[in-house]
Amino acid sequence: KSTTTGHLIYQCGGIDKRTIEKFEK
């Protein structure tokens, strides 16, 4: 779930990878 959410956010706004890592954790 966390990974999917991170990818969705990345596609929507393109957040930095560190932000995605925070969501994954």
PDB file of N, CA and C in Angstrom:
ATOM      1  N   LYS A   1       0.842  -1.198   0.000  1.00  0.00           N
ATOM      2  CA  LYS A   1       0.000   0.000   0.000  1.00  0.00           C
ATOM      3  C   LYS A   1       0.877   1.249   0.000  1.00  0.00           C
ATOM      4  N   SER A   2       1.848   1.292   0.908  1.00  0.00           N
ATOM      5  CA  SER A   2       2.709   2.481   1.007  1.00  0.00           C
ATOM      6  C   SER A   2       3.413   2.743  -0.325  1.00  0.00           C
ATOM      7  N   THR A   3       3.894   1.663  -0.966  1.00  0.00           N
ATOM      8  CA  THR A   3       4.617   1.853  -2.228  1.00  0.00           C
ATOM      9  C   THR A   3       3.685   2.437  -3.280  1.00  0.00           C
ATOM     10  N   THR A   4       2.475   1.900  -3.365  1.00  0.00           N
ATOM     11  CA  THR A   4       1.523   2.405  -4.360  1.00  0.00           C
ATOM     12  C   THR A   4       1.221   3.871  -4.093  1.00  0.00           C
ATOM     13  N   THR A   5       1.024   4.222  -2.820  1.00  0.00           N
ATOM     14  CA  THR A   5       0.716   5.614  -2.486  1.00  0.00           C
ATOM     15  C   THR A   5       1.868   6.516  -2.895  1.00  0.00           C
ATOM     16  N   GLY A   6       3.082   6.079  -2.615  1.00  0.00           N
ATOM     17  CA  GLY A   6       4.249   6.881  -2.979  1.00  0.00           C
ATOM     18  C   GLY A   6       4.302   7.111  -4.474  1.00  0.00           C
ATOM     19  N   HIS A   7       4.075   6.070  -5.259  1.00  0.00           N
ATOM     20  CA  HIS A   7       4.123   6.216  -6.715  1.00  0.00           C
ATOM     21  C   HIS A   7       3.025   7.150  -7.189  1.00  0.00           C
ATOM     22  N   LEU A   8       1.843   7.041  -6.572  1.00  0.00           N
ATOM     23  CA  LEU A   8       0.728   7.901  -6.968  1.00  0.00           C
ATOM     24  C   LEU A   8       1.098   9.355  -6.713  1.00  0.00           C
ATOM     25  N   ILE A   9       1.643   9.627  -5.537  1.00  0.00           N
ATOM     26  CA  ILE A   9       2.027  11.000  -5.205  1.00  0.00           C
ATOM     27  C   ILE A   9       3.119  11.467  -6.165  1.00  0.00           C
ATOM     28  N   TYR A  10       4.067  10.578  -6.467  1.00  0.00           N
ATOM     29  CA  TYR A  10       5.164  10.941  -7.370  1.00  0.00           C
ATOM     30  C   TYR A  10       4.611  11.343  -8.730  1.00  0.00           C
ATOM     31  N   GLN A  11       3.631  10.595  -9.231  1.00  0.00           N
ATOM     32  CA  GLN A  11       3.053  10.915 -10.540  1.00  0.00           C
ATOM     33  C   GLN A  11       2.259  12.210 -10.462  1.00  0.00           C
ATOM     34  N   CYS A  12       1.600  12.439  -9.334  1.00  0.00           N
ATOM     35  CA  CYS A  12       0.752  13.635  -9.197  1.00  0.00           C
ATOM     36  C   CYS A  12       1.614  14.889  -9.124  1.00  0.00           C
ATOM     37  N   GLY A  13       2.600  14.889  -8.229  1.00  0.00           N
ATOM     38  CA  GLY A  13       3.386  16.114  -8.040  1.00  0.00           C
ATOM     39  C   GLY A  13       4.860  15.904  -8.312  1.00  0.00           C
ATOM     40  N   GLY A  14       5.310  14.653  -8.266  1.00  0.00           N
ATOM     41  CA  GLY A  14       6.732  14.400  -8.490  1.00  0.00           C
ATOM     42  C   GLY A  14       7.548  14.836  -7.292  1.00  0.00           C
ATOM     43  N   ILE A  15       7.224  14.285  -6.124  1.00  0.00           N
ATOM     44  CA  ILE A  15       7.957  14.654  -4.914  1.00  0.00           C
ATOM     45  C   ILE A  15       9.337  13.990  -4.916  1.00  0.00           C
ATOM     46  N   ASP A  16      10.231  14.539  -4.117  1.00  0.00           N
ATOM     47  CA  ASP A  16      11.578  13.964  -4.049  1.00  0.00           C
ATOM     48  C   ASP A  16      11.517  12.520  -3.561  1.00  0.00           C
ATOM     49  N   LYS A  17      12.549  11.771  -3.889  1.00  0.00           N
ATOM     50  CA  LYS A  17      12.580  10.358  -3.468  1.00  0.00           C
ATOM     51  C   LYS A  17      12.591  10.265  -1.948  1.00  0.00           C
ATOM     52  N   ARG A  18      13.231  11.204  -1.283  1.00  0.00           N
ATOM     53  CA  ARG A  18      13.279  11.140   0.187  1.00  0.00           C
ATOM     54  C   ARG A  18      11.870  11.218   0.752  1.00  0.00           C
ATOM     55  N   THR A  19      11.024  12.051   0.154  1.00  0.00           N
ATOM     56  CA  THR A  19       9.644  12.166   0.642  1.00  0.00           C
ATOM     57  C   THR A  19       8.927  10.840   0.485  1.00  0.00           C
ATOM     58  N   ILE A  20       9.137  10.179  -0.650  1.00  0.00           N
ATOM     59  CA  ILE A  20       8.491   8.881  -0.877  1.00  0.00           C
ATOM     60  C   ILE A  20       8.988   7.876   0.160  1.00  0.00           C
ATOM     61  N   GLU A  21      10.279   7.918   0.440  1.00  0.00           N
ATOM     62  CA  GLU A  21      10.824   6.982   1.430  1.00  0.00           C
ATOM     63  C   GLU A  21      10.134   7.200   2.772  1.00  0.00           C
ATOM     64  N   LYS A  22       9.861   8.466   3.097  1.00  0.00           N
ATOM     65  CA  LYS A  22       9.184   8.758   4.364  1.00  0.00           C
ATOM     66  C   LYS A  22       7.806   8.102   4.362  1.00  0.00           C
ATOM     67  N   PHE A  23       7.099   8.195   3.238  1.00  0.00           N
ATOM     68  CA  PHE A  23       5.765   7.592   3.164  1.00  0.00           C
ATOM     69  C   PHE A  23       5.875   6.077   3.276  1.00  0.00           C
ATOM     70  N   GLU A  24       6.877   5.509   2.640  1.00  0.00           N
ATOM     71  CA  GLU A  24       7.051   4.051   2.700  1.00  0.00           C
ATOM     72  C   GLU A  24       7.302   3.611   4.134  1.00  0.00           C
ATOM     73  N   LYS A  25       8.089   4.403   4.874  1.00  0.00           N
ATOM     74  CA  LYS A  25       8.381   4.044   6.264  1.00  0.00           C
ATOM     75  C   LYS A  25       7.173   4.393   7.116  1.00  0.00           C
TER      76      LYS A  25
END
